[in-house]
């Protein structure tokens, strides 16, 4: 995890987005590569268990989803830009599933932090729903953030640290990151 995480989180010039697109290894690697993103941290949100562990979340009884807390500079990247990436880097039409990852912890979810974000999400959802980008109905849950729990250290910057030494990263994370980098060349960090 970024050693400046807490300082960044408390910086009044930065904003926070919390997004769940399935496995947080994929989500973190994608948003961490975006220009304007200062930190992307893997964690859990939306459930009823305090301080959940990965094993508890995978046990499908906590109500949490794997998500990423994205701390960004709105002068460099807009919340709407983050939402554009969100809708295109995962399948928001499959309930509790992203590829072979199945379970409620992989549900497509946007946790909004304020009424401005909620309005932006609703507008973005309406646009994507009528755009033809996804032929099936979108099942993404939109809800207010209550509490974000940082995942265990071994999950943080997983793809950056492990890369293709892990078969899951080779066959799932890397193709998603490559697709993102190809589609959003203008949004990448230099």
N, C-alpha and C. Protein backbone atom coordinates (compact mmCIF):
# COMPACT_ATOMS: atom_id res chain seq x y z
N UNK A 1 0.84 -1.18 0.00
CA UNK A 1 0.00 0.00 0.00
C UNK A 1 0.88 1.24 0.00
N UNK A 2 0.39 2.28 -0.63
CA UNK A 2 1.11 3.54 -0.68
C UNK A 2 1.37 4.02 0.75
N UNK A 3 2.62 4.34 1.04
CA UNK A 3 2.98 4.77 2.39
C UNK A 3 2.35 6.11 2.74
N UNK A 4 1.95 6.88 1.76
CA UNK A 4 1.30 8.17 1.99
C UNK A 4 -0.21 8.07 1.98
N UNK A 5 -0.75 6.86 2.04
CA UNK A 5 -2.18 6.64 1.90
C UNK A 5 -3.01 7.52 2.84
N UNK A 6 -2.71 7.52 4.12
CA UNK A 6 -3.51 8.27 5.07
C UNK A 6 -3.41 9.77 4.81
N UNK A 7 -2.21 10.26 4.48
CA UNK A 7 -2.05 11.68 4.17
C UNK A 7 -2.85 12.05 2.91
N UNK A 8 -2.78 11.19 1.91
CA UNK A 8 -3.54 11.44 0.68
C UNK A 8 -5.04 11.44 0.96
N UNK A 9 -5.47 10.52 1.78
CA UNK A 9 -6.89 10.38 2.09
C UNK A 9 -7.42 11.64 2.81
N UNK A 10 -6.56 12.29 3.56
CA UNK A 10 -6.97 13.47 4.31
C UNK A 10 -6.68 14.79 3.59
N UNK A 11 -6.11 14.72 2.39
CA UNK A 11 -5.80 15.93 1.63
C UNK A 11 -7.09 16.54 1.09
N UNK A 12 -7.42 17.78 1.48
CA UNK A 12 -8.68 18.39 1.03
C UNK A 12 -8.72 18.71 -0.46
N UNK A 13 -7.57 18.66 -1.14
CA UNK A 13 -7.53 18.93 -2.58
C UNK A 13 -7.78 17.68 -3.42
N UNK A 14 -7.84 16.53 -2.77
CA UNK A 14 -8.05 15.27 -3.47
C UNK A 14 -9.44 14.73 -3.18
N UNK A 15 -9.92 13.87 -4.05
CA UNK A 15 -11.22 13.23 -3.87
C UNK A 15 -11.05 11.72 -3.86
N UNK A 16 -12.09 11.03 -3.43
CA UNK A 16 -12.06 9.58 -3.32
C UNK A 16 -13.21 8.98 -4.11
N UNK A 17 -12.91 7.93 -4.85
CA UNK A 17 -13.92 7.11 -5.52
C UNK A 17 -13.73 5.69 -5.02
N UNK A 18 -14.83 4.99 -4.80
CA UNK A 18 -14.74 3.59 -4.37
C UNK A 18 -15.51 2.74 -5.36
N UNK A 19 -14.79 1.84 -6.03
CA UNK A 19 -15.34 1.10 -7.17
C UNK A 19 -15.05 -0.39 -7.06
N UNK A 20 -16.06 -1.19 -7.36
CA UNK A 20 -15.90 -2.64 -7.37
C UNK A 20 -16.18 -3.18 -8.76
N UNK A 21 -15.16 -3.78 -9.36
CA UNK A 21 -15.30 -4.34 -10.72
C UNK A 21 -14.94 -5.82 -10.75
N UNK A 22 -15.08 -6.49 -9.63
CA UNK A 22 -14.65 -7.89 -9.54
C UNK A 22 -13.38 -7.95 -8.70
N UNK A 23 -12.47 -8.79 -9.10
CA UNK A 23 -11.23 -8.97 -8.35
C UNK A 23 -10.49 -7.65 -8.19
N UNK A 24 -10.16 -7.30 -6.95
CA UNK A 24 -9.51 -6.01 -6.73
C UNK A 24 -8.09 -5.95 -7.26
N UNK A 25 -7.46 -7.08 -7.51
CA UNK A 25 -6.12 -7.04 -8.13
C UNK A 25 -6.20 -6.36 -9.50
N UNK A 26 -7.26 -6.70 -10.26
CA UNK A 26 -7.44 -6.10 -11.59
C UNK A 26 -7.77 -4.62 -11.46
N UNK A 27 -8.73 -4.32 -10.62
CA UNK A 27 -9.20 -2.95 -10.48
C UNK A 27 -8.09 -2.02 -10.03
N UNK A 28 -7.33 -2.45 -9.03
CA UNK A 28 -6.24 -1.64 -8.51
C UNK A 28 -5.19 -1.38 -9.61
N UNK A 29 -4.81 -2.40 -10.33
CA UNK A 29 -3.78 -2.26 -11.37
C UNK A 29 -4.22 -1.29 -12.46
N UNK A 30 -5.49 -1.30 -12.80
CA UNK A 30 -6.01 -0.41 -13.84
C UNK A 30 -6.02 1.03 -13.35
N UNK A 31 -6.65 1.28 -12.22
CA UNK A 31 -6.77 2.66 -11.76
C UNK A 31 -5.44 3.23 -11.31
N UNK A 32 -4.55 2.40 -10.84
CA UNK A 32 -3.22 2.87 -10.45
C UNK A 32 -2.43 3.39 -11.65
N UNK A 33 -2.79 2.95 -12.84
CA UNK A 33 -2.09 3.38 -14.06
C UNK A 33 -2.65 4.67 -14.64
N UNK A 34 -3.75 5.18 -14.08
CA UNK A 34 -4.39 6.38 -14.63
C UNK A 34 -3.71 7.66 -14.17
N UNK A 35 -3.52 8.56 -15.09
CA UNK A 35 -3.03 9.89 -14.75
C UNK A 35 -4.02 10.55 -13.80
N UNK A 36 -3.49 11.24 -12.81
CA UNK A 36 -4.34 11.93 -11.84
C UNK A 36 -4.70 11.10 -10.62
N UNK A 37 -4.49 9.79 -10.71
CA UNK A 37 -4.76 8.92 -9.57
C UNK A 37 -3.51 8.92 -8.69
N UNK A 38 -3.69 9.29 -7.45
CA UNK A 38 -2.57 9.37 -6.50
C UNK A 38 -2.39 8.07 -5.72
N UNK A 39 -3.46 7.31 -5.58
CA UNK A 39 -3.39 6.05 -4.83
C UNK A 39 -4.58 5.19 -5.22
N UNK A 40 -4.36 3.89 -5.32
CA UNK A 40 -5.43 2.92 -5.52
C UNK A 40 -5.17 1.79 -4.53
N UNK A 41 -6.10 1.60 -3.61
CA UNK A 41 -5.91 0.66 -2.51
C UNK A 41 -7.01 -0.40 -2.54
N UNK A 42 -6.61 -1.65 -2.48
CA UNK A 42 -7.57 -2.75 -2.46
C UNK A 42 -8.22 -2.88 -1.09
N UNK A 43 -9.52 -3.20 -1.09
CA UNK A 43 -10.21 -3.37 0.17
C UNK A 43 -11.60 -3.92 0.01
N UNK A 44 -12.37 -3.75 1.06
CA UNK A 44 -13.72 -4.31 1.13
C UNK A 44 -14.69 -3.22 1.58
N UNK A 45 -15.91 -3.25 1.05
CA UNK A 45 -16.94 -2.29 1.46
C UNK A 45 -18.31 -2.91 1.23
N UNK A 46 -19.28 -2.33 1.92
CA UNK A 46 -20.67 -2.69 1.67
C UNK A 46 -21.25 -3.77 2.54
N UNK A 47 -20.46 -4.36 3.41
CA UNK A 47 -20.96 -5.46 4.21
C UNK A 47 -21.32 -5.08 5.63
N UNK A 48 -21.63 -6.09 6.42
CA UNK A 48 -22.07 -5.87 7.80
C UNK A 48 -21.04 -6.33 8.84
N UNK A 49 -19.91 -6.87 8.40
CA UNK A 49 -18.88 -7.35 9.32
C UNK A 49 -17.78 -6.31 9.42
N UNK A 50 -17.40 -5.94 10.64
CA UNK A 50 -16.32 -4.98 10.82
C UNK A 50 -14.97 -5.67 10.63
N UNK A 51 -14.04 -4.95 10.02
CA UNK A 51 -12.68 -5.45 9.79
C UNK A 51 -12.65 -6.85 9.19
N UNK A 52 -13.32 -7.05 8.07
CA UNK A 52 -13.36 -8.39 7.49
C UNK A 52 -12.00 -8.82 6.95
N UNK A 53 -11.78 -10.11 6.95
CA UNK A 53 -10.59 -10.68 6.33
C UNK A 53 -10.95 -11.16 4.93
N UNK A 54 -9.93 -11.41 4.15
CA UNK A 54 -10.14 -11.94 2.80
C UNK A 54 -10.90 -13.26 2.86
N UNK A 55 -10.51 -14.11 3.78
CA UNK A 55 -11.17 -15.41 3.91
C UNK A 55 -12.64 -15.25 4.26
N UNK A 56 -12.97 -14.30 5.14
CA UNK A 56 -14.37 -14.06 5.49
C UNK A 56 -15.16 -13.54 4.30
N UNK A 57 -14.58 -12.60 3.57
CA UNK A 57 -15.27 -12.04 2.40
C UNK A 57 -15.49 -13.14 1.36
N UNK A 58 -14.46 -13.96 1.13
CA UNK A 58 -14.60 -15.07 0.18
C UNK A 58 -15.59 -16.12 0.66
N UNK A 59 -15.85 -16.16 1.96
CA UNK A 59 -16.83 -17.07 2.52
C UNK A 59 -18.26 -16.67 2.21
N UNK A 60 -18.43 -15.49 1.60
CA UNK A 60 -19.71 -15.02 1.07
C UNK A 60 -20.77 -14.74 2.13
N UNK A 61 -20.35 -14.51 3.37
CA UNK A 61 -21.33 -14.25 4.42
C UNK A 61 -21.22 -12.84 5.01
N UNK A 62 -20.28 -12.02 4.54
CA UNK A 62 -20.06 -10.70 5.14
C UNK A 62 -20.84 -9.59 4.45
N UNK A 63 -21.27 -9.82 3.21
CA UNK A 63 -21.94 -8.79 2.45
C UNK A 63 -20.99 -7.80 1.76
N UNK A 64 -19.70 -7.95 1.99
CA UNK A 64 -18.72 -7.03 1.39
C UNK A 64 -18.42 -7.41 -0.05
N UNK A 65 -18.01 -6.41 -0.83
CA UNK A 65 -17.49 -6.65 -2.17
C UNK A 65 -16.02 -6.24 -2.18
N UNK A 66 -15.26 -6.90 -3.02
CA UNK A 66 -13.88 -6.47 -3.25
C UNK A 66 -13.97 -5.20 -4.07
N UNK A 67 -13.26 -4.17 -3.61
CA UNK A 67 -13.30 -2.90 -4.33
C UNK A 67 -11.97 -2.17 -4.15
N UNK A 68 -11.87 -1.05 -4.79
CA UNK A 68 -10.65 -0.25 -4.71
C UNK A 68 -11.04 1.17 -4.34
N UNK A 69 -10.32 1.71 -3.38
CA UNK A 69 -10.49 3.11 -3.03
C UNK A 69 -9.47 3.88 -3.86
N UNK A 70 -9.98 4.73 -4.73
CA UNK A 70 -9.15 5.50 -5.66
C UNK A 70 -9.09 6.94 -5.15
N UNK A 71 -7.90 7.39 -4.82
CA UNK A 71 -7.71 8.77 -4.40
C UNK A 71 -7.15 9.51 -5.61
N UNK A 72 -7.85 10.57 -6.02
CA UNK A 72 -7.49 11.23 -7.27
C UNK A 72 -7.53 12.75 -7.13
N UNK A 73 -6.80 13.40 -8.03
CA UNK A 73 -6.78 14.86 -8.08
C UNK A 73 -7.78 15.30 -9.15
N UNK A 74 -8.89 15.92 -8.74
CA UNK A 74 -9.91 16.31 -9.72
C UNK A 74 -9.45 17.37 -10.71
N UNK A 75 -8.29 17.98 -10.46
CA UNK A 75 -7.74 18.93 -11.43
C UNK A 75 -7.04 18.18 -12.57
N UNK A 76 -6.73 16.90 -12.33
CA UNK A 76 -6.01 16.11 -13.33
C UNK A 76 -6.88 15.05 -13.99
N UNK A 77 -7.85 14.54 -13.27
CA UNK A 77 -8.75 13.52 -13.81
C UNK A 77 -10.10 13.71 -13.12
N UNK A 78 -11.16 13.63 -13.89
CA UNK A 78 -12.48 13.85 -13.32
C UNK A 78 -13.09 12.54 -12.81
N UNK A 79 -14.04 12.69 -11.94
CA UNK A 79 -14.80 11.53 -11.46
C UNK A 79 -15.49 10.85 -12.65
N UNK A 80 -15.98 11.65 -13.57
CA UNK A 80 -16.63 11.10 -14.77
C UNK A 80 -15.65 10.27 -15.61
N UNK A 81 -14.38 10.68 -15.66
CA UNK A 81 -13.36 9.88 -16.36
C UNK A 81 -13.18 8.53 -15.68
N UNK A 82 -13.17 8.53 -14.35
CA UNK A 82 -13.06 7.26 -13.61
C UNK A 82 -14.26 6.37 -13.92
N UNK A 83 -15.44 6.96 -13.98
CA UNK A 83 -16.65 6.18 -14.29
C UNK A 83 -16.59 5.61 -15.71
N UNK A 84 -16.08 6.39 -16.65
CA UNK A 84 -15.95 5.90 -18.02
C UNK A 84 -15.08 4.64 -18.05
N UNK A 85 -13.98 4.68 -17.33
CA UNK A 85 -13.11 3.50 -17.26
C UNK A 85 -13.84 2.36 -16.54
N UNK A 86 -14.50 2.67 -15.45
CA UNK A 86 -15.25 1.66 -14.69
C UNK A 86 -16.16 0.85 -15.61
N UNK A 87 -16.96 1.53 -16.42
CA UNK A 87 -17.95 0.84 -17.26
C UNK A 87 -17.31 -0.02 -18.34
N UNK A 88 -16.06 0.26 -18.70
CA UNK A 88 -15.45 -0.44 -19.82
C UNK A 88 -14.45 -1.53 -19.44
N UNK A 89 -14.01 -1.57 -18.18
CA UNK A 89 -12.97 -2.54 -17.82
C UNK A 89 -13.51 -3.81 -17.16
N UNK A 90 -14.82 -3.91 -17.02
CA UNK A 90 -15.42 -5.13 -16.48
C UNK A 90 -16.81 -5.27 -17.09
N UNK A 91 -17.45 -6.38 -16.81
CA UNK A 91 -18.79 -6.63 -17.34
C UNK A 91 -19.81 -6.28 -16.26
N UNK A 92 -20.48 -5.13 -16.38
CA UNK A 92 -21.44 -4.73 -15.36
C UNK A 92 -22.82 -5.38 -15.54
N UNK A 93 -22.89 -6.38 -16.41
CA UNK A 93 -24.19 -7.04 -16.67
C UNK A 93 -24.28 -8.42 -16.04
N UNK A 94 -23.23 -8.88 -15.39
CA UNK A 94 -23.25 -10.22 -14.79
C UNK A 94 -23.34 -10.08 -13.27
N UNK A 95 -24.38 -10.64 -12.71
CA UNK A 95 -24.60 -10.53 -11.26
C UNK A 95 -23.63 -11.44 -10.52
N UNK A 96 -22.87 -10.83 -9.62
CA UNK A 96 -21.96 -11.58 -8.75
C UNK A 96 -20.96 -12.43 -9.53
N UNK A 97 -20.50 -11.90 -10.65
CA UNK A 97 -19.56 -12.68 -11.46
C UNK A 97 -18.75 -11.77 -12.38
N UNK A 98 -17.45 -12.08 -12.47
CA UNK A 98 -16.58 -11.50 -13.47
C UNK A 98 -15.74 -12.65 -14.00
N UNK A 99 -16.05 -13.10 -15.21
CA UNK A 99 -15.34 -14.25 -15.77
C UNK A 99 -15.53 -15.47 -14.89
N UNK A 100 -14.40 -16.10 -14.50
CA UNK A 100 -14.47 -17.28 -13.64
C UNK A 100 -14.58 -16.95 -12.16
N UNK A 101 -14.50 -15.67 -11.80
CA UNK A 101 -14.64 -15.25 -10.41
C UNK A 101 -16.14 -15.12 -10.11
N UNK A 102 -16.63 -15.98 -9.22
CA UNK A 102 -18.06 -16.03 -8.94
C UNK A 102 -18.29 -15.86 -7.45
N UNK A 103 -19.26 -15.04 -7.10
CA UNK A 103 -19.64 -14.84 -5.71
C UNK A 103 -20.04 -13.39 -5.49
N UNK A 104 -20.78 -13.12 -4.42
CA UNK A 104 -21.26 -11.76 -4.15
C UNK A 104 -20.13 -10.75 -3.95
N UNK A 105 -18.95 -11.23 -3.59
CA UNK A 105 -17.82 -10.31 -3.39
C UNK A 105 -17.33 -9.72 -4.71
N UNK A 106 -17.79 -10.25 -5.84
CA UNK A 106 -17.38 -9.75 -7.15
C UNK A 106 -18.47 -8.93 -7.84
N UNK A 107 -19.50 -8.57 -7.10
CA UNK A 107 -20.61 -7.80 -7.68
C UNK A 107 -20.13 -6.42 -8.13
N UNK A 108 -20.55 -6.01 -9.29
CA UNK A 108 -20.24 -4.69 -9.83
C UNK A 108 -20.92 -3.64 -8.95
N UNK A 109 -20.11 -2.77 -8.35
CA UNK A 109 -20.64 -1.80 -7.39
C UNK A 109 -19.91 -0.47 -7.47
N UNK A 110 -20.69 0.60 -7.37
CA UNK A 110 -20.13 1.94 -7.21
C UNK A 110 -20.62 2.46 -5.87
N UNK A 111 -19.67 2.81 -5.01
CA UNK A 111 -19.99 3.42 -3.73
C UNK A 111 -19.74 4.93 -3.87
N UNK A 112 -20.79 5.73 -3.78
CA UNK A 112 -20.59 7.17 -3.92
C UNK A 112 -20.32 7.80 -2.55
N UNK A 113 -19.54 8.90 -2.58
CA UNK A 113 -19.10 9.57 -1.35
C UNK A 113 -19.89 10.83 -1.03
N UNK A 114 -20.64 11.35 -2.00
CA UNK A 114 -21.43 12.56 -1.77
C UNK A 114 -22.52 12.64 -2.84
N UNK A 115 -23.36 13.64 -2.71
CA UNK A 115 -24.49 13.78 -3.64
C UNK A 115 -24.02 14.12 -5.06
N UNK A 116 -22.90 14.83 -5.19
CA UNK A 116 -22.38 15.14 -6.53
C UNK A 116 -21.95 13.85 -7.24
N UNK A 117 -21.28 12.97 -6.50
CA UNK A 117 -20.89 11.69 -7.10
C UNK A 117 -22.13 10.87 -7.44
N UNK A 118 -23.11 10.86 -6.56
CA UNK A 118 -24.33 10.10 -6.83
C UNK A 118 -24.98 10.58 -8.13
N UNK A 119 -25.08 11.89 -8.30
CA UNK A 119 -25.68 12.45 -9.52
C UNK A 119 -24.85 12.07 -10.75
N UNK A 120 -23.53 12.12 -10.62
CA UNK A 120 -22.66 11.76 -11.74
C UNK A 120 -22.81 10.28 -12.10
N UNK A 121 -22.92 9.43 -11.09
CA UNK A 121 -23.09 8.00 -11.33
C UNK A 121 -24.43 7.74 -12.02
N UNK A 122 -25.49 8.37 -11.54
CA UNK A 122 -26.81 8.15 -12.15
C UNK A 122 -26.83 8.61 -13.60
N UNK A 123 -26.20 9.75 -13.88
CA UNK A 123 -26.12 10.24 -15.26
C UNK A 123 -25.30 9.29 -16.12
N UNK A 124 -24.16 8.86 -15.60
CA UNK A 124 -23.29 7.95 -16.33
C UNK A 124 -23.99 6.62 -16.61
N UNK A 125 -24.69 6.09 -15.62
CA UNK A 125 -25.43 4.84 -15.79
C UNK A 125 -26.49 4.98 -16.88
N UNK A 126 -27.22 6.08 -16.86
CA UNK A 126 -28.25 6.31 -17.88
C UNK A 126 -27.63 6.35 -19.28
N UNK A 127 -26.49 7.02 -19.40
CA UNK A 127 -25.82 7.12 -20.70
C UNK A 127 -25.32 5.76 -21.18
N UNK A 128 -24.68 5.01 -20.27
CA UNK A 128 -24.14 3.71 -20.65
C UNK A 128 -25.27 2.72 -20.97
N UNK A 129 -26.35 2.81 -20.24
CA UNK A 129 -27.47 1.89 -20.44
C UNK A 129 -28.11 2.04 -21.82
N UNK A 130 -28.06 3.23 -22.38
CA UNK A 130 -28.66 3.47 -23.69
C UNK A 130 -27.64 3.54 -24.82
N UNK A 131 -26.36 3.37 -24.49
CA UNK A 131 -25.29 3.54 -25.50
C UNK A 131 -25.10 2.33 -26.41
N UNK A 132 -25.57 1.17 -25.96
CA UNK A 132 -25.31 -0.05 -26.73
C UNK A 132 -23.98 -0.69 -26.38
N UNK A 133 -23.23 -0.11 -25.46
CA UNK A 133 -21.95 -0.68 -25.04
C UNK A 133 -22.14 -2.09 -24.52
N UNK A 134 -23.19 -2.30 -23.73
CA UNK A 134 -23.50 -3.62 -23.18
C UNK A 134 -24.88 -4.03 -23.67
N UNK A 135 -25.01 -5.18 -24.35
CA UNK A 135 -26.30 -5.60 -24.87
C UNK A 135 -27.29 -6.05 -23.78
N UNK A 136 -26.77 -6.51 -22.65
CA UNK A 136 -27.63 -6.97 -21.57
C UNK A 136 -27.82 -5.85 -20.54
N UNK A 137 -28.86 -5.94 -19.72
CA UNK A 137 -29.10 -4.91 -18.71
C UNK A 137 -27.95 -4.85 -17.69
N UNK A 138 -27.64 -3.65 -17.26
CA UNK A 138 -26.59 -3.43 -16.26
C UNK A 138 -27.15 -3.74 -14.88
N UNK A 139 -26.38 -4.50 -14.09
CA UNK A 139 -26.81 -4.90 -12.75
C UNK A 139 -25.97 -4.26 -11.65
N UNK A 140 -25.16 -3.29 -12.01
CA UNK A 140 -24.29 -2.59 -11.05
C UNK A 140 -25.12 -2.00 -9.92
N UNK A 141 -24.66 -2.21 -8.70
CA UNK A 141 -25.29 -1.61 -7.53
C UNK A 141 -24.66 -0.25 -7.27
N UNK A 142 -25.49 0.73 -6.98
CA UNK A 142 -25.03 2.08 -6.66
C UNK A 142 -25.52 2.38 -5.25
N UNK A 143 -24.57 2.67 -4.36
CA UNK A 143 -24.96 2.91 -2.97
C UNK A 143 -23.96 3.82 -2.27
N UNK A 144 -24.38 4.45 -1.18
CA UNK A 144 -23.44 5.31 -0.45
C UNK A 144 -22.38 4.48 0.25
N UNK A 145 -21.19 5.03 0.33
CA UNK A 145 -20.12 4.36 1.06
C UNK A 145 -20.39 4.54 2.55
N UNK A 146 -20.22 3.49 3.28
CA UNK A 146 -20.33 3.60 4.73
C UNK A 146 -18.95 3.47 5.36
N UNK A 147 -18.25 2.41 4.98
CA UNK A 147 -16.92 2.18 5.55
C UNK A 147 -16.12 1.37 4.53
N UNK A 148 -14.89 1.79 4.33
CA UNK A 148 -13.97 1.06 3.47
C UNK A 148 -12.93 0.43 4.38
N UNK A 149 -12.72 -0.88 4.22
CA UNK A 149 -11.70 -1.59 4.99
C UNK A 149 -10.55 -1.95 4.06
N UNK A 150 -9.36 -1.51 4.40
CA UNK A 150 -8.18 -1.82 3.60
C UNK A 150 -7.91 -3.32 3.68
N UNK A 151 -7.68 -3.95 2.54
CA UNK A 151 -7.37 -5.38 2.49
C UNK A 151 -5.96 -5.63 3.05
N UNK A 152 -5.70 -6.87 3.30
CA UNK A 152 -4.41 -7.29 3.84
C UNK A 152 -3.26 -6.81 2.94
N UNK A 153 -2.11 -6.60 3.55
CA UNK A 153 -0.95 -6.07 2.82
C UNK A 153 -0.60 -6.88 1.58
N UNK A 154 -0.74 -8.21 1.64
CA UNK A 154 -0.32 -9.02 0.49
C UNK A 154 -1.19 -8.80 -0.74
N UNK A 155 -2.34 -8.14 -0.59
CA UNK A 155 -3.19 -7.83 -1.75
C UNK A 155 -2.80 -6.51 -2.40
N UNK A 156 -2.10 -5.65 -1.69
CA UNK A 156 -1.81 -4.31 -2.20
C UNK A 156 -0.75 -4.35 -3.31
N UNK A 157 -1.03 -3.63 -4.40
CA UNK A 157 -0.16 -3.59 -5.58
C UNK A 157 0.25 -5.00 -6.01
N UNK A 158 -0.70 -5.90 -5.93
CA UNK A 158 -0.41 -7.31 -6.20
C UNK A 158 0.15 -7.53 -7.60
N UNK A 159 -0.53 -6.97 -8.59
CA UNK A 159 -0.08 -7.18 -9.97
C UNK A 159 1.30 -6.56 -10.20
N UNK A 160 1.54 -5.39 -9.62
CA UNK A 160 2.86 -4.76 -9.77
C UNK A 160 3.95 -5.62 -9.15
N UNK A 161 3.65 -6.23 -8.02
CA UNK A 161 4.67 -7.02 -7.32
C UNK A 161 4.84 -8.41 -7.91
N UNK A 162 3.75 -9.06 -8.28
CA UNK A 162 3.79 -10.47 -8.66
C UNK A 162 3.82 -10.64 -10.18
N UNK A 163 3.07 -9.79 -10.87
CA UNK A 163 3.04 -9.86 -12.33
C UNK A 163 2.65 -11.23 -12.84
N UNK A 164 3.26 -11.63 -13.90
CA UNK A 164 2.86 -12.87 -14.57
C UNK A 164 3.47 -14.13 -13.93
N UNK A 165 4.09 -13.98 -12.77
CA UNK A 165 4.53 -15.18 -12.04
C UNK A 165 3.32 -15.93 -11.47
N UNK A 166 2.20 -15.23 -11.36
CA UNK A 166 0.96 -15.85 -10.89
C UNK A 166 0.08 -16.11 -12.11
N UNK A 167 -0.35 -17.37 -12.34
CA UNK A 167 -1.17 -17.66 -13.52
C UNK A 167 -2.44 -16.82 -13.61
N UNK A 168 -3.07 -16.52 -12.48
CA UNK A 168 -4.27 -15.68 -12.49
C UNK A 168 -3.93 -14.31 -13.09
N UNK A 169 -2.82 -13.76 -12.69
CA UNK A 169 -2.41 -12.46 -13.22
C UNK A 169 -2.12 -12.56 -14.72
N UNK A 170 -1.52 -13.67 -15.15
CA UNK A 170 -1.21 -13.86 -16.56
C UNK A 170 -2.48 -13.91 -17.41
N UNK A 171 -3.47 -14.65 -16.93
CA UNK A 171 -4.65 -14.91 -17.75
C UNK A 171 -5.84 -14.00 -17.48
N UNK A 172 -5.84 -13.28 -16.36
CA UNK A 172 -6.97 -12.42 -16.03
C UNK A 172 -6.55 -10.95 -15.89
N UNK A 173 -5.61 -10.68 -15.00
CA UNK A 173 -5.25 -9.29 -14.71
C UNK A 173 -4.55 -8.64 -15.90
N UNK A 174 -3.51 -9.27 -16.42
CA UNK A 174 -2.73 -8.67 -17.51
C UNK A 174 -3.59 -8.34 -18.73
N UNK A 175 -4.46 -9.25 -19.20
CA UNK A 175 -5.30 -8.88 -20.35
C UNK A 175 -6.21 -7.68 -20.08
N UNK A 176 -6.72 -7.57 -18.84
CA UNK A 176 -7.57 -6.41 -18.51
C UNK A 176 -6.74 -5.13 -18.50
N UNK A 177 -5.55 -5.19 -17.91
CA UNK A 177 -4.70 -4.01 -17.87
C UNK A 177 -4.27 -3.62 -19.29
N UNK A 178 -3.90 -4.60 -20.11
CA UNK A 178 -3.51 -4.32 -21.49
C UNK A 178 -4.66 -3.70 -22.28
N UNK A 179 -5.87 -4.23 -22.10
CA UNK A 179 -7.05 -3.69 -22.78
C UNK A 179 -7.28 -2.24 -22.36
N UNK A 180 -7.17 -1.98 -21.05
CA UNK A 180 -7.32 -0.62 -20.54
C UNK A 180 -6.29 0.32 -21.17
N UNK A 181 -5.03 -0.10 -21.16
CA UNK A 181 -3.96 0.76 -21.69
C UNK A 181 -4.14 1.05 -23.17
N UNK A 182 -4.66 0.09 -23.91
CA UNK A 182 -4.88 0.29 -25.34
C UNK A 182 -6.07 1.23 -25.57
N UNK A 183 -7.13 1.06 -24.81
CA UNK A 183 -8.35 1.86 -25.00
C UNK A 183 -8.23 3.27 -24.43
N UNK A 184 -7.40 3.44 -23.43
CA UNK A 184 -7.33 4.73 -22.73
C UNK A 184 -5.91 5.30 -22.71
N UNK A 185 -5.26 5.27 -23.87
CA UNK A 185 -3.88 5.77 -23.97
C UNK A 185 -3.76 7.21 -23.45
N UNK A 186 -4.79 8.01 -23.70
CA UNK A 186 -4.75 9.42 -23.31
C UNK A 186 -4.95 9.63 -21.80
N UNK A 187 -5.27 8.58 -21.06
CA UNK A 187 -5.51 8.70 -19.63
C UNK A 187 -4.43 8.05 -18.79
N UNK A 188 -3.35 7.59 -19.41
CA UNK A 188 -2.29 6.90 -18.66
C UNK A 188 -1.31 7.85 -18.01
N UNK A 189 -0.73 7.39 -16.91
CA UNK A 189 0.36 8.13 -16.28
C UNK A 189 1.53 8.13 -17.25
N UNK A 190 2.32 9.23 -17.26
CA UNK A 190 3.47 9.26 -18.16
C UNK A 190 4.52 8.22 -17.78
